[in-house]
Amino acid sequence: MRATRNPLAIALLTAALVAGVGVGATASGAAREPASATPTLAACLKVVRSQVLTKNKLTVATNYPPLAPWFVNNNPANERGYESAVAYHVATTLGFKSTAVSWYGEPYELAESSGTKPFDFDINEITYNPKLTSKVTFSETYFTVNQAIVALKSSKIVKAHSPSQLKTYLYGETSGSPGLSFVLKHIVPTRAPVVYKTMTEAISALEAKKINAIVVDTPTGQYIASQQVSNGDLVAQFHATGEHYALLVHEGNPLVACLNTALTTLAKNGELRTLSKKYLSIYNSIPFIKP
């Protein structure tokens, strides 16, 4: 989902919320159907140690500094924060002890480049992007991404956001973004949204009251509303429309099949739901509305 990071911080998160599991829910556990048959966990336990970069060890990458609530205290190895916890649950599901997991610092932009990687998988709020599948391989989802409305606290949209009312506002979106697609396809406003080259431009327009709102993924929206816009408000969010975070491996890496098995196992046994409730309350508390 997410393709860019915030130039003012280290990254604008592009996408997400997890409030439950299942079709139409916001669940990190709402796994997409794999393209091919997923091996059994028993089969994975027999082969996975020979598929990793270093035998009997699992090397996991993420961007530095790792951000909350995905990580805690800038330390991915403490098993705290949603993505750190997911990484360790994937590891133990596949038979690796926590002590066999090591972390590698990989800038977000480099992770999506082609070629072999110095890690087994990257967990870094990386949005599945079909345009990149010729360069890298993505796992199934571990976090489903929702879109949300960011506005000024003084805006009418904060309280008046029924489906018919949503159509009356002027939105500002970045070119080619999931937010722009969502506005055009689902909200269908009476006025065409203003399209900007960068999110910085859209935020400036919102602050200047040239637009009424921005639709963007929920984590990004929370960051914008709380850190980048004076008197900003994360109004509400919409149920997901297919955007999701995925683990990333080098293109064609056979390890992805067993990563999918681990994620499917964690979704079915409720672990992903439990972790989302534990670490992602900042997103889970945002109310849902219909476009």
Protein backbone atom coordinates (compact mmCIF):
# COMPACT_ATOMS: atom_id res chain seq x y z
CA MET A 1 0.00 0.00 0.00
CA ARG A 2 2.33 2.58 1.22
CA ALA A 3 4.85 3.80 -1.29
CA THR A 4 6.36 6.90 0.31
CA ARG A 5 7.75 8.01 3.64
CA ASN A 6 7.28 11.38 5.25
CA PRO A 7 9.99 13.83 4.22
CA LEU A 8 9.43 15.72 7.48
CA ALA A 9 9.83 12.70 9.72
CA ILE A 10 11.35 9.48 8.47
CA ALA A 11 8.26 8.27 6.81
CA LEU A 12 4.61 8.78 6.36
CA LEU A 13 3.11 5.41 6.94
CA THR A 14 0.99 4.52 3.96
CA ALA A 15 -1.77 2.58 5.14
CA ALA A 16 -3.66 0.70 7.76
CA LEU A 17 -5.81 -0.29 10.63
CA VAL A 18 -6.57 -3.49 12.43
CA ALA A 19 -9.72 -3.74 14.51
CA GLY A 20 -10.77 -7.32 13.94
CA VAL A 21 -10.47 -10.36 11.74
CA GLY A 22 -12.54 -11.45 8.80
CA VAL A 23 -13.94 -10.38 5.48
CA GLY A 24 -14.74 -6.68 5.49
CA ALA A 25 -13.02 -6.19 8.85
CA THR A 26 -9.81 -4.32 9.46
CA ALA A 27 -7.85 -7.28 10.57
CA SER A 28 -4.20 -7.96 10.31
CA GLY A 29 -5.44 -11.51 10.45
CA ALA A 30 -7.68 -11.22 7.40
CA ALA A 31 -5.33 -13.14 5.16
CA ARG A 32 -5.74 -12.92 1.40
CA GLU A 33 -6.00 -16.12 -0.58
CA PRO A 34 -2.50 -17.16 -1.68
CA ALA A 35 -1.82 -17.43 -5.38
CA SER A 36 -0.68 -21.03 -5.00
CA ALA A 37 -1.13 -23.80 -2.47
CA THR A 38 0.40 -22.98 0.90
CA PRO A 39 2.59 -25.77 2.35
CA THR A 40 1.60 -27.29 5.65
CA LEU A 41 3.34 -26.13 8.80
CA ALA A 42 4.78 -29.62 9.25
CA ALA A 43 6.33 -29.43 5.78
CA CYS A 44 7.75 -25.98 6.50
CA LEU A 45 9.37 -27.12 9.74
CA LYS A 46 11.33 -29.68 7.70
CA VAL A 47 12.67 -27.31 5.06
CA VAL A 48 12.67 -23.74 6.35
CA ARG A 49 16.03 -23.90 8.15
CA SER A 50 17.73 -24.65 4.85
CA GLN A 51 15.86 -21.84 3.06
CA VAL A 52 17.08 -19.00 5.26
CA LEU A 53 20.15 -16.88 4.59
CA THR A 54 22.08 -18.36 7.52
CA LYS A 55 21.21 -21.92 8.49
CA ASN A 56 19.22 -22.13 11.73
CA LYS A 57 19.00 -18.32 11.99
CA LEU A 58 16.40 -15.84 10.80
CA THR A 59 17.52 -12.39 9.66
CA VAL A 60 14.74 -9.79 9.69
CA ALA A 61 15.04 -6.29 8.26
CA THR A 62 13.29 -3.03 9.04
CA ASN A 63 13.91 0.67 8.62
CA TYR A 64 15.79 2.62 11.32
CA PRO A 65 14.72 4.19 13.52
CA PRO A 66 11.73 1.84 13.77
CA LEU A 67 8.57 3.75 14.61
CA ALA A 68 5.87 3.21 17.22
CA PRO A 69 3.41 1.53 17.48
CA TRP A 70 5.07 -0.94 15.12
CA PHE A 71 8.13 -1.06 17.39
CA VAL A 72 8.81 0.16 20.92
CA ASN A 73 11.76 2.23 22.14
CA ASN A 74 13.43 2.08 18.71
CA ASN A 75 14.39 -1.51 19.44
CA PRO A 76 12.98 -4.18 17.10
CA ALA A 77 14.69 -6.94 19.10
CA ASN A 78 12.65 -6.38 22.28
CA GLU A 79 9.63 -8.25 20.80
CA ARG A 80 7.39 -5.27 21.57
CA GLY A 81 5.33 -3.29 19.10
CA TYR A 82 3.10 -4.82 16.45
CA GLU A 83 5.67 -5.57 13.74
CA SER A 84 8.36 -6.73 16.16
CA ALA A 85 5.86 -9.08 17.80
CA VAL A 86 4.61 -10.37 14.43
CA ALA A 87 8.19 -11.06 13.30
CA TYR A 88 8.93 -13.09 16.42
CA HIS A 89 5.63 -14.96 16.19
CA VAL A 90 6.44 -15.85 12.56
CA ALA A 91 9.86 -17.04 13.70
CA THR A 92 8.61 -19.23 16.53
CA THR A 93 5.80 -20.61 14.36
CA LEU A 94 8.46 -21.77 11.91
CA GLY A 95 10.55 -23.35 14.66
CA PHE A 96 13.11 -20.64 15.38
CA LYS A 97 13.83 -19.59 18.95
CA SER A 98 13.75 -15.86 19.69
CA THR A 99 17.52 -15.95 20.20
CA ALA A 100 17.93 -17.16 16.59
CA VAL A 101 16.39 -13.93 15.24
CA SER A 102 18.73 -11.10 14.25
CA TRP A 103 17.83 -7.67 12.86
CA TYR A 104 19.20 -5.80 9.85
CA GLY A 105 18.74 -2.08 9.17
CA GLU A 106 17.40 -1.55 5.65
CA PRO A 107 16.12 1.81 4.34
CA TYR A 108 12.58 1.48 3.07
CA GLU A 109 13.51 2.58 -0.44
CA LEU A 110 16.31 0.02 -0.81
CA ALA A 111 14.11 -2.84 0.35
CA GLU A 112 11.99 -2.53 -2.78
CA SER A 113 14.95 -2.65 -5.17
CA SER A 114 15.65 -5.78 -7.20
CA GLY A 115 18.37 -8.30 -6.45
CA THR A 116 19.35 -10.55 -3.58
CA LYS A 117 18.87 -9.27 -0.06
CA PRO A 118 21.04 -9.43 3.08
CA PHE A 119 18.01 -10.56 5.07
CA ASP A 120 15.35 -13.26 4.98
CA PHE A 121 12.38 -10.90 5.07
CA ASP A 122 11.64 -7.23 5.65
CA ILE A 123 8.78 -6.10 7.89
CA ASN A 124 8.43 -2.36 7.48
CA GLU A 125 4.83 -1.24 6.80
CA ILE A 126 5.44 -2.17 3.18
CA THR A 127 2.32 -2.07 1.06
CA TYR A 128 1.77 -4.84 -1.45
CA ASN A 129 2.33 -3.33 -4.88
CA PRO A 130 1.71 -5.45 -8.00
CA LYS A 131 3.96 -3.10 -9.97
CA LEU A 132 6.94 -4.26 -7.91
CA THR A 133 6.43 -8.00 -8.27
CA SER A 134 9.05 -8.17 -11.01
CA LYS A 135 11.62 -6.86 -8.49
CA VAL A 136 10.59 -8.39 -5.16
CA THR A 137 8.19 -10.98 -3.77
CA PHE A 138 5.49 -10.18 -1.22
CA SER A 139 3.92 -12.43 1.38
CA GLU A 140 0.27 -12.56 2.28
CA THR A 141 -1.04 -9.79 4.52
CA TYR A 142 -0.25 -9.30 8.17
CA PHE A 143 -2.08 -5.95 8.36
CA THR A 144 -5.03 -4.68 6.36
CA VAL A 145 -4.93 -1.01 5.46
CA ASN A 146 -7.93 1.30 5.76
CA GLN A 147 -8.41 4.79 4.42
CA ALA A 148 -9.35 7.65 6.75
CA ILE A 149 -10.38 11.32 6.66
CA VAL A 150 -8.07 14.05 7.93
CA ALA A 151 -9.52 17.54 8.40
CA LEU A 152 -9.23 20.59 10.61
CA LYS A 153 -11.12 20.41 13.89
CA SER A 154 -13.14 23.46 12.80
CA SER A 155 -14.36 21.76 9.59
CA LYS A 156 -18.00 20.75 9.16
CA ILE A 157 -16.89 17.30 8.04
CA VAL A 158 -15.84 16.46 11.61
CA LYS A 159 -19.49 16.07 12.60
CA ALA A 160 -21.29 15.98 9.24
CA HIS A 161 -19.99 12.92 7.40
CA SER A 162 -22.93 10.83 6.27
CA PRO A 163 -22.49 9.26 2.81
CA SER A 164 -24.48 12.07 1.18
CA GLN A 165 -22.62 14.77 3.13
CA LEU A 166 -19.23 13.32 2.21
CA LYS A 167 -20.01 13.98 -1.45
CA THR A 168 -20.27 17.74 -0.85
CA TYR A 169 -16.70 18.37 0.32
CA LEU A 170 -13.59 19.31 -1.62
CA TYR A 171 -10.81 16.77 -1.15
CA GLY A 172 -7.10 17.14 -1.76
CA GLU A 173 -5.14 14.05 -2.76
CA THR A 174 -1.73 13.13 -4.10
CA SER A 175 -1.40 11.92 -7.65
CA GLY A 176 -1.83 8.18 -8.08
CA SER A 177 -2.47 7.57 -4.37
CA PRO A 178 -4.86 5.02 -2.84
CA GLY A 179 -6.63 7.98 -1.21
CA LEU A 180 -7.37 9.53 -4.59
CA SER A 181 -8.67 6.22 -5.92
CA PHE A 182 -10.88 5.80 -2.86
CA VAL A 183 -12.37 9.28 -3.20
CA LEU A 184 -13.14 8.84 -6.89
CA LYS A 185 -14.47 5.28 -6.63
CA HIS A 186 -16.27 5.21 -3.29
CA ILE A 187 -17.07 8.74 -2.15
CA VAL A 188 -17.70 10.15 -5.66
CA PRO A 189 -17.81 13.82 -4.63
CA THR A 190 -19.74 16.47 -6.57
CA ARG A 191 -16.49 18.38 -7.09
CA ALA A 192 -13.38 16.78 -8.50
CA PRO A 193 -10.64 16.43 -5.88
CA VAL A 194 -7.62 18.70 -6.15
CA VAL A 195 -4.60 16.60 -7.07
CA TYR A 196 -1.18 17.50 -5.67
CA LYS A 197 2.26 16.16 -6.48
CA THR A 198 3.20 15.63 -2.83
CA MET A 199 1.49 15.10 0.51
CA THR A 200 3.29 18.19 1.80
CA GLU A 201 1.39 20.27 -0.75
CA ALA A 202 -1.91 18.66 0.21
CA ILE A 203 -1.27 19.31 3.91
CA SER A 204 -0.45 22.96 3.20
CA ALA A 205 -3.69 23.30 1.25
CA LEU A 206 -5.64 21.80 4.14
CA GLU A 207 -4.07 24.20 6.63
CA ALA A 208 -4.85 27.12 4.29
CA LYS A 209 -8.47 25.89 4.04
CA LYS A 210 -8.22 25.54 0.28
CA ILE A 211 -9.59 22.01 0.64
CA ASN A 212 -11.89 20.46 3.24
CA ALA A 213 -10.18 17.13 3.82
CA ILE A 214 -7.56 14.58 2.82
CA VAL A 215 -8.28 10.87 2.52
CA VAL A 216 -5.23 8.77 3.34
CA ASP A 217 -4.44 5.50 5.09
CA THR A 218 -5.23 5.47 8.79
CA PRO A 219 -1.67 5.33 10.21
CA THR A 220 -0.58 8.15 7.92
CA GLY A 221 -3.73 10.08 8.78
CA GLN A 222 -3.08 9.72 12.49
CA TYR A 223 0.46 11.05 12.02
CA ILE A 224 -0.69 13.99 9.90
CA ALA A 225 -3.49 14.94 12.27
CA SER A 226 -1.37 14.71 15.41
CA GLN A 227 2.05 15.82 14.21
CA GLN A 228 1.82 17.85 11.02
CA VAL A 229 -1.40 19.84 11.05
CA SER A 230 -2.20 22.41 13.69
CA ASN A 231 -5.68 21.59 15.06
CA GLY A 232 -5.84 18.51 12.86
CA ASP A 233 -8.45 15.82 13.37
CA LEU A 234 -8.58 12.20 12.25
CA VAL A 235 -12.31 12.21 11.64
CA ALA A 236 -13.12 8.59 10.85
CA GLN A 237 -12.03 5.66 8.73
CA PHE A 238 -13.50 3.38 6.11
CA HIS A 239 -13.34 -0.39 5.97
CA ALA A 240 -10.48 -1.73 3.87
CA THR A 241 -10.69 -2.14 0.11
CA GLY A 242 -7.81 -4.55 -0.50
CA GLU A 243 -4.72 -2.58 0.49
CA HIS A 244 -2.43 -4.41 2.89
CA TYR A 245 1.04 -4.63 4.41
CA ALA A 246 3.16 -7.65 3.47
CA LEU A 247 6.50 -9.16 4.34
CA LEU A 248 9.04 -8.61 1.56
CA VAL A 249 11.68 -11.05 0.28
CA HIS A 250 13.91 -11.02 -2.77
CA GLU A 251 12.14 -11.89 -6.01
CA GLY A 252 11.37 -15.59 -6.29
CA ASN A 253 12.58 -16.47 -2.79
CA PRO A 254 10.96 -19.87 -1.95
CA LEU A 255 10.90 -18.87 1.73
CA VAL A 256 7.77 -16.82 1.05
CA ALA A 257 5.64 -20.00 0.92
CA CYS A 258 6.44 -20.86 4.52
CA LEU A 259 6.10 -17.22 5.59
CA ASN A 260 2.57 -17.41 4.18
CA THR A 261 1.97 -20.61 6.13
CA ALA A 262 3.11 -18.90 9.33
CA LEU A 263 0.93 -15.83 8.72
CA THR A 264 -2.08 -17.99 7.90
CA THR A 265 -1.51 -19.96 11.11
CA LEU A 266 -1.26 -16.76 13.17
CA ALA A 267 -4.44 -15.42 11.60
CA LYS A 268 -6.41 -18.60 12.18
CA ASN A 269 -5.34 -19.03 15.80
CA GLY A 270 -6.15 -15.40 16.61
CA GLU A 271 -2.61 -14.24 17.37
CA LEU A 272 -2.67 -11.41 14.85
CA ARG A 273 -5.95 -10.16 16.29
CA THR A 274 -4.52 -10.34 19.81
CA LEU A 275 -1.39 -8.43 18.82
CA SER A 276 -3.41 -5.75 17.06
CA LYS A 277 -5.53 -5.20 20.16
CA LYS A 278 -2.41 -5.02 22.31
CA TYR A 279 -0.38 -2.60 20.22
CA LEU A 280 -2.64 -0.78 17.76
CA SER A 281 -5.28 0.86 19.93
CA ILE A 282 -4.28 4.22 18.48
CA TYR A 283 -5.82 3.05 15.18
CA ASN A 284 -8.45 0.65 16.50
CA SER A 285 -10.17 3.48 18.40
CA ILE A 286 -10.93 5.50 15.26
CA PRO A 287 -14.64 5.18 14.40
CA PHE A 288 -15.80 3.64 11.13
CA ILE A 289 -18.18 5.29 8.69
CA LYS A 290 -19.56 4.41 5.27
CA PRO A 291 -18.55 6.33 2.12
